[in-house]
Amino acid sequence: MSCINLKRLTFMFVIACVVWCSSIGTWIARKGNYRQGRSKWNPPHKTTPKPKAPTHSIPPPLHRPKVFDVRRFGAKGNGKTDDTKAFQDAWSGACKVEGSTVLVPSKFTFLVGPASFSGVNCQPNIVFQLDGIIIAPTDFQCWGNGSLPWLEFTYLRGGVTVQGKGILDGRGSKWWKDDGTEPKIPLNTSFQQISPIHIIIYFSFH
């Protein structure tokens, strides 16, 4: 009986050793795989973000002025200084902007000689806002041979509107009055009895 028990104990001991060795082998294998896997794993590299390209802010579109006050172009409006060039410059500026206005402001008197306002290169719908007073020169030398018009609007393909509560004073009385003894215009000039004060507006649809 003791021999049988001894055999059983020996058998059980062998089985226990086999199981224990198997467990140890599995644990070692798992540990080796863990280390091997760990050695292969590399932490992710921190990638430095690329610097953003500088964004150049787009400037807002330039809004050209719609109103061209003749005083901003050098007109004095004192009734004595020749403002002809200032008027022509204001017109040239307004021609570049559609629907713009040439402003002749109120409470001013502008001396303007013979001037031509051409619409050849003009944008459409130009407004000539006459709120002040425009007077013509009375010096006959300003009129050349007498064939010059006073204010001339030509080639108005896009249309022009002349409006306002101002005054166009050609001062014709300077030429028409005659006291009977001394003519206002010397007879030895090419004017003779022809008054040069007039306005001509030409329309062209070509």
C-alpha atoms as a PDB file:
ATOM      1  CA  MET A   1       0.000   0.000   0.000  1.00  0.00           C
ATOM      2  CA  SER A   2       2.812   2.310   0.791  1.00  0.00           C
ATOM      3  CA  CYS A   3       4.353   1.558  -2.526  1.00  0.00           C
ATOM      4  CA  ILE A   4       1.185   2.586  -4.308  1.00  0.00           C
ATOM      5  CA  ASN A   5       1.004   5.849  -2.403  1.00  0.00           C
ATOM      6  CA  LEU A   6       4.603   6.522  -3.143  1.00  0.00           C
ATOM      7  CA  LYS A   7       4.001   5.999  -6.835  1.00  0.00           C
ATOM      8  CA  ARG A   8       1.003   8.295  -6.750  1.00  0.00           C
ATOM      9  CA  LEU A   9       2.916  10.951  -4.953  1.00  0.00           C
ATOM     10  CA  THR A  10       5.757  10.625  -7.386  1.00  0.00           C
ATOM     11  CA  PHE A  11       3.343  10.827 -10.331  1.00  0.00           C
ATOM     12  CA  MET A  12       1.606  13.861  -8.895  1.00  0.00           C
ATOM     13  CA  PHE A  13       4.925  15.516  -8.234  1.00  0.00           C
ATOM     14  CA  VAL A  14       5.994  14.943 -11.819  1.00  0.00           C
ATOM     15  CA  ILE A  15       2.700  16.343 -13.091  1.00  0.00           C
ATOM     16  CA  ALA A  16       3.081  19.382 -10.846  1.00  0.00           C
ATOM     17  CA  CYS A  17       6.618  19.930 -12.094  1.00  0.00           C
ATOM     18  CA  VAL A  18       5.467  19.711 -15.702  1.00  0.00           C
ATOM     19  CA  VAL A  19       2.644  22.167 -15.098  1.00  0.00           C
ATOM     20  CA  TRP A  20       4.939  24.492 -13.198  1.00  0.00           C
ATOM     21  CA  CYS A  21       7.618  24.360 -15.895  1.00  0.00           C
ATOM     22  CA  SER A  22       4.988  24.977 -18.559  1.00  0.00           C
ATOM     23  CA  SER A  23       3.720  28.011 -16.677  1.00  0.00           C
ATOM     24  CA  ILE A  24       7.247  29.333 -16.238  1.00  0.00           C
ATOM     25  CA  GLY A  25       7.934  28.893 -19.978  1.00  0.00           C
ATOM     26  CA  THR A  26       4.762  30.691 -20.956  1.00  0.00           C
ATOM     27  CA  TRP A  27       5.547  33.560 -18.601  1.00  0.00           C
ATOM     28  CA  ILE A  28       9.099  33.863 -19.946  1.00  0.00           C
ATOM     29  CA  ALA A  29       7.832  33.800 -23.538  1.00  0.00           C
ATOM     30  CA  ARG A  30       5.301  36.517 -22.814  1.00  0.00           C
ATOM     31  CA  LYS A  31       7.892  38.614 -21.083  1.00  0.00           C
ATOM     32  CA  GLY A  32      10.265  38.209 -24.014  1.00  0.00           C
ATOM     33  CA  ASN A  33       7.591  39.201 -26.488  1.00  0.00           C
ATOM     34  CA  TYR A  34       6.732  42.220 -24.375  1.00  0.00           C
ATOM     35  CA  ARG A  35      10.351  43.353 -24.269  1.00  0.00           C
ATOM     36  CA  GLN A  36      10.800  42.690 -27.946  1.00  0.00           C
ATOM     37  CA  GLY A  37       7.673  44.603 -28.804  1.00  0.00           C
ATOM     38  CA  ARG A  38       8.645  47.371 -26.486  1.00  0.00           C
ATOM     39  CA  SER A  39      12.051  47.663 -28.103  1.00  0.00           C
ATOM     40  CA  LYS A  40      10.431  47.962 -31.509  1.00  0.00           C
ATOM     41  CA  TRP A  41       7.969  50.629 -30.403  1.00  0.00           C
ATOM     42  CA  ASN A  42       9.217  54.106 -30.902  1.00  0.00           C
ATOM     43  CA  PRO A  43       7.482  57.059 -29.401  1.00  0.00           C
ATOM     44  CA  PRO A  44       6.010  59.389 -31.982  1.00  0.00           C
ATOM     45  CA  HIS A  45       8.309  62.220 -32.942  1.00  0.00           C
ATOM     46  CA  LYS A  46       7.034  65.635 -32.243  1.00  0.00           C
ATOM     47  CA  THR A  47       6.725  67.276 -35.624  1.00  0.00           C
ATOM     48  CA  THR A  48       7.404  70.956 -35.598  1.00  0.00           C
ATOM     49  CA  PRO A  49       4.495  72.665 -37.342  1.00  0.00           C
ATOM     50  CA  LYS A  50       5.454  74.471 -40.478  1.00  0.00           C
ATOM     51  CA  PRO A  51       5.343  78.208 -40.091  1.00  0.00           C
ATOM     52  CA  LYS A  52       2.308  79.637 -41.730  1.00  0.00           C
ATOM     53  CA  ALA A  53       2.975  81.711 -44.759  1.00  0.00           C
ATOM     54  CA  PRO A  54       2.373  85.358 -43.986  1.00  0.00           C
ATOM     55  CA  THR A  55      -1.010  86.363 -45.211  1.00  0.00           C
ATOM     56  CA  HIS A  56      -0.835  89.687 -46.924  1.00  0.00           C
ATOM     57  CA  SER A  57      -3.966  91.568 -46.135  1.00  0.00           C
ATOM     58  CA  ILE A  58      -5.635  92.749 -49.287  1.00  0.00           C
ATOM     59  CA  PRO A  59      -6.223  96.476 -49.053  1.00  0.00           C
ATOM     60  CA  PRO A  60      -9.808  97.544 -49.577  1.00  0.00           C
ATOM     61  CA  PRO A  61     -10.602  98.881 -53.026  1.00  0.00           C
ATOM     62  CA  LEU A  62      -9.974 102.539 -53.422  1.00  0.00           C
ATOM     63  CA  HIS A  63     -13.186 104.457 -53.588  1.00  0.00           C
ATOM     64  CA  ARG A  64     -12.771 107.473 -55.750  1.00  0.00           C
ATOM     65  CA  PRO A  65     -14.619 110.579 -54.687  1.00  0.00           C
ATOM     66  CA  LYS A  66     -17.897 111.232 -56.407  1.00  0.00           C
ATOM     67  CA  VAL A  67     -17.952 114.997 -55.854  1.00  0.00           C
ATOM     68  CA  PHE A  68     -15.261 117.182 -57.393  1.00  0.00           C
ATOM     69  CA  ASP A  69     -15.413 120.604 -55.759  1.00  0.00           C
ATOM     70  CA  VAL A  70     -13.672 123.154 -57.968  1.00  0.00           C
ATOM     71  CA  ARG A  71     -12.142 124.741 -54.868  1.00  0.00           C
ATOM     72  CA  ARG A  72     -10.160 121.580 -54.221  1.00  0.00           C
ATOM     73  CA  PHE A  73      -8.533 122.116 -57.603  1.00  0.00           C
ATOM     74  CA  GLY A  74      -7.399 125.634 -56.821  1.00  0.00           C
ATOM     75  CA  ALA A  75     -10.431 127.794 -57.579  1.00  0.00           C
ATOM     76  CA  LYS A  76     -10.518 130.912 -55.388  1.00  0.00           C
ATOM     77  CA  GLY A  77     -14.094 131.988 -55.939  1.00  0.00           C
ATOM     78  CA  ASN A  78     -13.380 135.658 -55.224  1.00  0.00           C
ATOM     79  CA  GLY A  79     -14.635 136.938 -58.580  1.00  0.00           C
ATOM     80  CA  LYS A  80     -11.214 138.345 -59.454  1.00  0.00           C
ATOM     81  CA  THR A  81      -8.814 135.415 -59.781  1.00  0.00           C
ATOM     82  CA  ASP A  82      -8.972 133.428 -63.010  1.00  0.00           C
ATOM     83  CA  ASP A  83     -10.417 130.036 -62.029  1.00  0.00           C
ATOM     84  CA  THR A  84     -10.551 128.592 -65.546  1.00  0.00           C
ATOM     85  CA  LYS A  85      -7.834 125.978 -65.020  1.00  0.00           C
ATOM     86  CA  ALA A  86      -9.351 124.809 -61.740  1.00  0.00           C
ATOM     87  CA  PHE A  87     -12.669 124.178 -63.492  1.00  0.00           C
ATOM     88  CA  GLN A  88     -10.991 122.236 -66.272  1.00  0.00           C
ATOM     89  CA  ASP A  89      -9.003 120.137 -63.782  1.00  0.00           C
ATOM     90  CA  ALA A  90     -12.135 119.362 -61.784  1.00  0.00           C
ATOM     91  CA  TRP A  91     -13.876 118.291 -64.973  1.00  0.00           C
ATOM     92  CA  SER A  92     -10.963 116.038 -65.949  1.00  0.00           C
ATOM     93  CA  GLY A  93     -11.090 114.339 -62.558  1.00  0.00           C
ATOM     94  CA  ALA A  94     -14.847 113.849 -62.657  1.00  0.00           C
ATOM     95  CA  CYS A  95     -14.639 112.348 -66.129  1.00  0.00           C
ATOM     96  CA  LYS A  96     -12.814 109.329 -64.727  1.00  0.00           C
ATOM     97  CA  VAL A  97     -15.634 108.376 -62.346  1.00  0.00           C
ATOM     98  CA  GLU A  98     -19.061 107.300 -63.512  1.00  0.00           C
ATOM     99  CA  GLY A  99     -21.916 109.303 -62.038  1.00  0.00           C
ATOM    100  CA  SER A 100     -19.612 111.923 -60.530  1.00  0.00           C
ATOM    101  CA  THR A 101     -20.396 115.580 -59.902  1.00  0.00           C
ATOM    102  CA  VAL A 102     -18.484 118.756 -60.644  1.00  0.00           C
ATOM    103  CA  LEU A 103     -19.520 121.066 -57.827  1.00  0.00           C
ATOM    104  CA  VAL A 104     -19.587 124.832 -58.150  1.00  0.00           C
ATOM    105  CA  PRO A 105     -20.354 125.669 -54.505  1.00  0.00           C
ATOM    106  CA  SER A 106     -22.709 128.398 -53.388  1.00  0.00           C
ATOM    107  CA  LYS A 107     -21.619 131.686 -51.798  1.00  0.00           C
ATOM    108  CA  PHE A 108     -18.691 131.981 -54.196  1.00  0.00           C
ATOM    109  CA  THR A 109     -18.202 133.871 -57.451  1.00  0.00           C
ATOM    110  CA  PHE A 110     -15.869 132.249 -59.958  1.00  0.00           C
ATOM    111  CA  LEU A 111     -14.233 134.082 -62.824  1.00  0.00           C
ATOM    112  CA  VAL A 112     -14.010 131.628 -65.705  1.00  0.00           C
ATOM    113  CA  GLY A 113     -12.737 132.457 -69.167  1.00  0.00           C
ATOM    114  CA  PRO A 114     -13.382 130.557 -72.398  1.00  0.00           C
ATOM    115  CA  ALA A 115     -13.253 126.868 -71.482  1.00  0.00           C
ATOM    116  CA  SER A 116     -13.994 123.635 -73.276  1.00  0.00           C
ATOM    117  CA  PHE A 117     -15.236 120.621 -71.319  1.00  0.00           C
ATOM    118  CA  SER A 118     -14.739 117.614 -73.547  1.00  0.00           C
ATOM    119  CA  GLY A 119     -16.516 114.328 -72.952  1.00  0.00           C
ATOM    120  CA  VAL A 120     -14.329 112.192 -75.215  1.00  0.00           C
ATOM    121  CA  ASN A 121     -12.829 110.142 -72.380  1.00  0.00           C
ATOM    122  CA  CYS A 122     -15.604 110.703 -69.868  1.00  0.00           C
ATOM    123  CA  GLN A 123     -17.556 108.105 -67.966  1.00  0.00           C
ATOM    124  CA  PRO A 124     -21.337 108.433 -68.339  1.00  0.00           C
ATOM    125  CA  ASN A 125     -23.801 110.418 -66.235  1.00  0.00           C
ATOM    126  CA  ILE A 126     -21.643 113.386 -65.243  1.00  0.00           C
ATOM    127  CA  VAL A 127     -23.416 116.147 -63.306  1.00  0.00           C
ATOM    128  CA  PHE A 128     -22.382 119.796 -63.430  1.00  0.00           C
ATOM    129  CA  GLN A 129     -23.829 121.131 -60.170  1.00  0.00           C
ATOM    130  CA  LEU A 130     -24.018 124.912 -60.391  1.00  0.00           C
ATOM    131  CA  ASP A 131     -24.842 126.380 -56.979  1.00  0.00           C
ATOM    132  CA  GLY A 132     -22.521 129.373 -57.033  1.00  0.00           C
ATOM    133  CA  ILE A 133     -21.984 132.147 -59.571  1.00  0.00           C
ATOM    134  CA  ILE A 134     -19.818 131.902 -62.672  1.00  0.00           C
ATOM    135  CA  ILE A 135     -18.918 135.157 -64.363  1.00  0.00           C
ATOM    136  CA  ALA A 136     -17.238 135.749 -67.695  1.00  0.00           C
ATOM    137  CA  PRO A 137     -14.220 138.033 -68.067  1.00  0.00           C
ATOM    138  CA  THR A 138     -14.870 141.462 -69.505  1.00  0.00           C
ATOM    139  CA  ASP A 139     -11.381 141.947 -70.886  1.00  0.00           C
ATOM    140  CA  PHE A 140     -11.773 141.563 -74.646  1.00  0.00           C
ATOM    141  CA  GLN A 141      -8.241 140.182 -74.899  1.00  0.00           C
ATOM    142  CA  CYS A 142      -9.438 136.985 -73.228  1.00  0.00           C
ATOM    143  CA  TRP A 143     -11.597 136.184 -76.235  1.00  0.00           C
ATOM    144  CA  GLY A 144      -8.966 135.939 -78.932  1.00  0.00           C
ATOM    145  CA  ASN A 145     -10.444 136.967 -82.266  1.00  0.00           C
ATOM    146  CA  GLY A 146     -13.968 136.853 -80.909  1.00  0.00           C
ATOM    147  CA  SER A 147     -14.803 133.348 -82.134  1.00  0.00           C
ATOM    148  CA  LEU A 148     -14.240 131.588 -78.813  1.00  0.00           C
ATOM    149  CA  PRO A 149     -17.318 130.340 -76.985  1.00  0.00           C
ATOM    150  CA  TRP A 150     -17.491 130.938 -73.273  1.00  0.00           C
ATOM    151  CA  LEU A 151     -18.385 127.518 -71.866  1.00  0.00           C
ATOM    152  CA  GLU A 152     -18.282 124.656 -74.318  1.00  0.00           C
ATOM    153  CA  PHE A 153     -19.418 121.079 -73.581  1.00  0.00           C
ATOM    154  CA  THR A 154     -18.463 118.740 -76.415  1.00  0.00           C
ATOM    155  CA  TYR A 155     -18.654 115.033 -77.302  1.00  0.00           C
ATOM    156  CA  LEU A 156     -20.946 114.196 -74.423  1.00  0.00           C
ATOM    157  CA  ARG A 157     -21.455 110.572 -75.363  1.00  0.00           C
ATOM    158  CA  GLY A 158     -22.369 109.481 -71.841  1.00  0.00           C
ATOM    159  CA  GLY A 159     -24.610 112.440 -71.111  1.00  0.00           C
ATOM    160  CA  VAL A 160     -24.168 115.390 -68.788  1.00  0.00           C
ATOM    161  CA  THR A 161     -26.659 117.156 -66.551  1.00  0.00           C
ATOM    162  CA  VAL A 162     -26.291 120.847 -65.741  1.00  0.00           C
ATOM    163  CA  GLN A 163     -28.357 121.687 -62.684  1.00  0.00           C
ATOM    164  CA  GLY A 164     -28.474 123.853 -59.587  1.00  0.00           C
ATOM    165  CA  LYS A 165     -29.667 127.240 -58.381  1.00  0.00           C
ATOM    166  CA  GLY A 166     -26.538 129.133 -59.329  1.00  0.00           C
ATOM    167  CA  ILE A 167     -26.025 131.829 -61.948  1.00  0.00           C
ATOM    168  CA  LEU A 168     -24.128 131.971 -65.224  1.00  0.00           C
ATOM    169  CA  ASP A 169     -23.381 135.640 -65.718  1.00  0.00           C
ATOM    170  CA  GLY A 170     -21.874 136.435 -69.094  1.00  0.00           C
ATOM    171  CA  ARG A 171     -21.872 140.119 -68.148  1.00  0.00           C
ATOM    172  CA  GLY A 172     -23.120 141.011 -71.591  1.00  0.00           C
ATOM    173  CA  SER A 173     -24.024 144.490 -70.450  1.00  0.00           C
ATOM    174  CA  LYS A 174     -20.332 145.270 -70.565  1.00  0.00           C
ATOM    175  CA  TRP A 175     -20.479 144.762 -74.316  1.00  0.00           C
ATOM    176  CA  TRP A 176     -23.955 145.977 -75.113  1.00  0.00           C
ATOM    177  CA  LYS A 177     -24.092 149.279 -73.290  1.00  0.00           C
ATOM    178  CA  ASP A 178     -22.946 152.254 -75.224  1.00  0.00           C
ATOM    179  CA  ASP A 179     -23.220 155.749 -73.900  1.00  0.00           C
ATOM    180  CA  GLY A 180     -23.016 157.109 -77.428  1.00  0.00           C
ATOM    181  CA  THR A 181     -19.619 158.692 -77.062  1.00  0.00           C
ATOM    182  CA  GLU A 182     -17.207 155.874 -76.341  1.00  0.00           C
ATOM    183  CA  PRO A 183     -17.725 152.292 -77.520  1.00  0.00           C
ATOM    184  CA  LYS A 184     -17.103 149.570 -74.980  1.00  0.00           C
ATOM    185  CA  ILE A 185     -15.120 147.550 -77.535  1.00  0.00           C
ATOM    186  CA  PRO A 186     -12.478 149.375 -79.558  1.00  0.00           C
ATOM    187  CA  LEU A 187     -13.535 149.444 -83.205  1.00  0.00           C
ATOM    188  CA  ASN A 188     -10.021 148.620 -84.379  1.00  0.00           C
ATOM    189  CA  THR A 189     -10.343 145.101 -82.958  1.00  0.00           C
ATOM    190  CA  SER A 190     -11.793 142.101 -84.728  1.00  0.00           C
ATOM    191  CA  PHE A 191     -14.765 142.098 -82.359  1.00  0.00           C
ATOM    192  CA  GLN A 192     -16.386 145.127 -83.870  1.00  0.00           C
ATOM    193  CA  GLN A 193     -20.021 144.809 -82.720  1.00  0.00           C
ATOM    194  CA  ILE A 194     -20.079 141.064 -82.083  1.00  0.00           C
ATOM    195  CA  SER A 195     -20.478 139.956 -78.485  1.00  0.00           C
ATOM    196  CA  PRO A 196     -18.288 136.943 -77.632  1.00  0.00           C
ATOM    197  CA  ILE A 197     -20.379 135.942 -74.639  1.00  0.00           C
ATOM    198  CA  HIS A 198     -22.237 132.708 -75.349  1.00  0.00           C
ATOM    199  CA  ILE A 199     -22.500 129.098 -74.341  1.00  0.00           C
ATOM    200  CA  ILE A 200     -22.380 126.217 -76.765  1.00  0.00           C
ATOM    201  CA  ILE A 201     -23.277 122.630 -75.888  1.00  0.00           C
ATOM    202  CA  TYR A 202     -22.480 119.984 -78.458  1.00  0.00           C
ATOM    203  CA  PHE A 203     -24.020 116.540 -78.293  1.00  0.00           C
ATOM    204  CA  SER A 204     -22.443 113.578 -80.024  1.00  0.00           C
ATOM    205  CA  PHE A 205     -23.800 110.060 -80.242  1.00  0.00           C
ATOM    206  CA  HIS A 206     -20.860 108.612 -82.185  1.00  0.00           C
END
